[in-house]
C-alpha atoms as a PDB file:
ATOM      1  CA  MET A   1      70.487 -55.323-195.639  1.00  0.00           C
ATOM      2  CA  PHE A   2      68.069 -57.068-193.309  1.00  0.00           C
ATOM      3  CA  ARG A   3      64.976 -54.796-195.541  1.00  0.00           C
ATOM      4  CA  GLY A   4      65.962 -57.681-198.315  1.00  0.00           C
ATOM      5  CA  PHE A   5      65.356 -60.751-195.355  1.00  0.00           C
ATOM      6  CA  SER A   6      62.140 -59.355-194.070  1.00  0.00           C
ATOM      7  CA  ASP A   7      59.624 -60.153-196.775  1.00  0.00           C
ATOM      8  CA  PRO A   8      59.052 -63.945-197.599  1.00  0.00           C
ATOM      9  CA  SER A   9      59.103 -63.019-201.229  1.00  0.00           C
ATOM     10  CA  ARG A  10      62.260 -61.749-201.240  1.00  0.00           C
ATOM     11  CA  LEU A  11      63.784 -64.305-198.906  1.00  0.00           C
ATOM     12  CA  SER A  12      62.664 -67.108-201.809  1.00  0.00           C
ATOM     13  CA  ILE A  13      64.324 -64.645-204.410  1.00  0.00           C
ATOM     14  CA  ILE A  14      67.221 -65.149-202.357  1.00  0.00           C
ATOM     15  CA  GLU A  15      66.991 -68.811-201.260  1.00  0.00           C
ATOM     16  CA  ALA A  16      66.714 -69.323-205.298  1.00  0.00           C
ATOM     17  CA  LEU A  17      69.874 -67.765-206.371  1.00  0.00           C
ATOM     18  CA  ARG A  18      71.647 -69.418-203.492  1.00  0.00           C
ATOM     19  CA  VAL A  19      72.265 -72.423-205.953  1.00  0.00           C
ATOM     20  CA  GLY A  20      73.684 -69.660-209.164  1.00  0.00           C
ATOM     21  CA  PRO A  21      73.003 -66.814-211.178  1.00  0.00           C
ATOM     22  CA  LEU A  22      69.143 -67.383-212.706  1.00  0.00           C
ATOM     23  CA  THR A  23      67.053 -64.774-214.627  1.00  0.00           C
ATOM     24  CA  VAL A  24      63.849 -63.283-213.845  1.00  0.00           C
ATOM     25  CA  THR A  25      62.296 -65.980-215.587  1.00  0.00           C
ATOM     26  CA  ASP A  26      64.097 -68.856-213.800  1.00  0.00           C
ATOM     27  CA  ILE A  27      63.249 -67.017-210.415  1.00  0.00           C
ATOM     28  CA  ALA A  28      59.734 -67.243-211.344  1.00  0.00           C
ATOM     29  CA  ASP A  29      59.325 -70.595-211.939  1.00  0.00           C
ATOM     30  CA  THR A  30      61.989 -71.452-209.075  1.00  0.00           C
ATOM     31  CA  THR A  31      59.436 -69.523-206.281  1.00  0.00           C
ATOM     32  CA  GLY A  32      56.037 -69.333-207.828  1.00  0.00           C
ATOM     33  CA  LEU A  33      56.348 -65.506-207.850  1.00  0.00           C
ATOM     34  CA  SER A  34      55.107 -63.175-210.943  1.00  0.00           C
ATOM     35  CA  GLN A  35      57.646 -62.352-213.174  1.00  0.00           C
ATOM     36  CA  SER A  36      56.704 -58.812-212.454  1.00  0.00           C
ATOM     37  CA  ASN A  37      56.624 -59.655-209.087  1.00  0.00           C
ATOM     38  CA  VAL A  38      59.931 -61.309-209.036  1.00  0.00           C
ATOM     39  CA  SER A  39      61.622 -57.783-210.674  1.00  0.00           C
ATOM     40  CA  ASN A  40      60.004 -55.250-208.526  1.00  0.00           C
ATOM     41  CA  HIS A  41      61.272 -57.500-205.950  1.00  0.00           C
ATOM     42  CA  LEU A  42      64.958 -57.613-207.889  1.00  0.00           C
ATOM     43  CA  GLY A  43      65.052 -54.090-207.711  1.00  0.00           C
ATOM     44  CA  CYS A  44      64.669 -54.114-203.598  1.00  0.00           C
ATOM     45  CA  LEU A  45      67.427 -56.937-203.603  1.00  0.00           C
ATOM     46  CA  ARG A  46      69.798 -54.363-205.811  1.00  0.00           C
ATOM     47  CA  ASP A  47      69.048 -51.558-203.564  1.00  0.00           C
ATOM     48  CA  CYS A  48      69.897 -53.338-200.460  1.00  0.00           C
ATOM     49  CA  GLY A  49      73.064 -54.697-202.135  1.00  0.00           C
ATOM     50  CA  LEU A  50      71.972 -58.268-201.631  1.00  0.00           C
ATOM     51  CA  VAL A  51      71.795 -59.101-205.366  1.00  0.00           C
ATOM     52  CA  SER A  52      73.745 -58.007-208.379  1.00  0.00           C
ATOM     53  CA  SER A  53      73.067 -58.525-212.281  1.00  0.00           C
ATOM     54  CA  GLU A  54      74.671 -59.131-215.253  1.00  0.00           C
ATOM     55  CA  PRO A  55      73.387 -58.796-218.747  1.00  0.00           C
ATOM     56  CA  GLU A  56      73.539 -61.523-220.988  1.00  0.00           C
ATOM     57  CA  GLY A  57      72.269 -61.866-224.262  1.00  0.00           C
ATOM     58  CA  ARG A  58      69.189 -60.860-224.153  1.00  0.00           C
ATOM     59  CA  TYR A  59      68.622 -61.439-220.875  1.00  0.00           C
ATOM     60  CA  THR A  60      70.214 -60.381-216.985  1.00  0.00           C
ATOM     61  CA  ARG A  61      71.530 -63.220-214.956  1.00  0.00           C
ATOM     62  CA  TYR A  62      71.083 -62.039-211.154  1.00  0.00           C
ATOM     63  CA  ARG A  63      73.035 -63.687-208.613  1.00  0.00           C
ATOM     64  CA  LEU A  64      74.287 -62.915-204.646  1.00  0.00           C
ATOM     65  CA  SER A  65      75.952 -60.197-204.648  1.00  0.00           C
ATOM     66  CA  ASP A  66      78.313 -61.488-202.438  1.00  0.00           C
ATOM     67  CA  ARG A  67      79.133 -65.012-201.836  1.00  0.00           C
ATOM     68  CA  ARG A  68      79.311 -64.026-197.911  1.00  0.00           C
ATOM     69  CA  VAL A  69      74.794 -63.417-198.023  1.00  0.00           C
ATOM     70  CA  GLY A  70      74.488 -67.245-199.081  1.00  0.00           C
ATOM     71  CA  ALA A  71      77.010 -68.455-195.724  1.00  0.00           C
ATOM     72  CA  LEU A  72      74.490 -66.034-193.512  1.00  0.00           C
ATOM     73  CA  LEU A  73      72.071 -67.737-194.649  1.00  0.00           C
ATOM     74  CA  ARG A  74      73.437 -71.243-194.178  1.00  0.00           C
ATOM     75  CA  LEU A  75      74.318 -70.199-190.722  1.00  0.00           C
ATOM     76  CA  ALA A  76      71.056 -69.023-190.536  1.00  0.00           C
ATOM     77  CA  ASP A  77      70.064 -71.932-191.332  1.00  0.00           C
ATOM     78  CA  ASP A  78      71.972 -74.207-189.166  1.00  0.00           C
ATOM     79  CA  LEU A  79      71.147 -71.659-185.788  1.00  0.00           C
ATOM     80  CA  LEU A  80      67.516 -72.011-186.222  1.00  0.00           C
ATOM     81  CA  ALA A  81      67.398 -75.403-186.671  1.00  0.00           C
ATOM     82  CA  ASP A  82      69.889 -75.761-182.723  1.00  0.00           C
ATOM     83  CA  VAL A  83      67.524 -73.566-181.679  1.00  0.00           C
ATOM     84  CA  ALA A  84      64.186 -75.444-182.769  1.00  0.00           C
ATOM     85  CA  LYS A  85      65.509 -78.524-181.270  1.00  0.00           C
ATOM     86  CA  GLY A  86      66.506 -77.033-178.110  1.00  0.00           C
ATOM     87  CA  VAL A  87      63.274 -75.209-177.798  1.00  0.00           C
ATOM     88  CA  TYR A  88      62.089 -78.789-178.436  1.00  0.00           C
ATOM     89  CA  GLU A  89      63.678 -80.759-175.587  1.00  0.00           C
ATOM     90  CA  CYS A  90      63.483 -77.987-173.266  1.00  0.00           C
ATOM     91  CA  THR A  91      61.804 -79.511-170.301  1.00  0.00           C
ATOM     92  CA  ARG A  92      60.523 -75.995-169.174  1.00  0.00           C
ATOM     93  CA  TYR A  93      57.869 -76.560-172.119  1.00  0.00           C
ATOM     94  CA  ALA A  94      56.623 -80.139-171.419  1.00  0.00           C
ATOM     95  CA  GLY A  95      53.670 -78.824-170.344  1.00  0.00           C
ATOM     96  CA  SER A  96      52.392 -76.501-173.244  1.00  0.00           C
ATOM     97  CA  LYS A  97      53.325 -78.847-175.220  1.00  0.00           C
ATOM     98  CA  GLU A  98      50.694 -81.191-174.697  1.00  0.00           C
ATOM     99  CA  GLY A  99      48.340 -78.794-174.975  1.00  0.00           C
END
């Protein structure tokens, strides 16, 4: 699973899918990645179990495979925000902030 989170392009795709199901074209527009790049990364994300797909007419819509993936990302965002705040406010780093 963490292989899916380990690449910035895959992570940007996962972030885009947090808002809801998207086509490859929608994901490419949202992330700025090429459609072929998006398709390749979606294959990895499907293999990791993070993304599922559903045919819809001529297109395929991709979505996060489990709502807990979005919850995990929200938790990580919150944790990182708290840790960053703590590091910034830590008096032990006061000397290194100036230089």
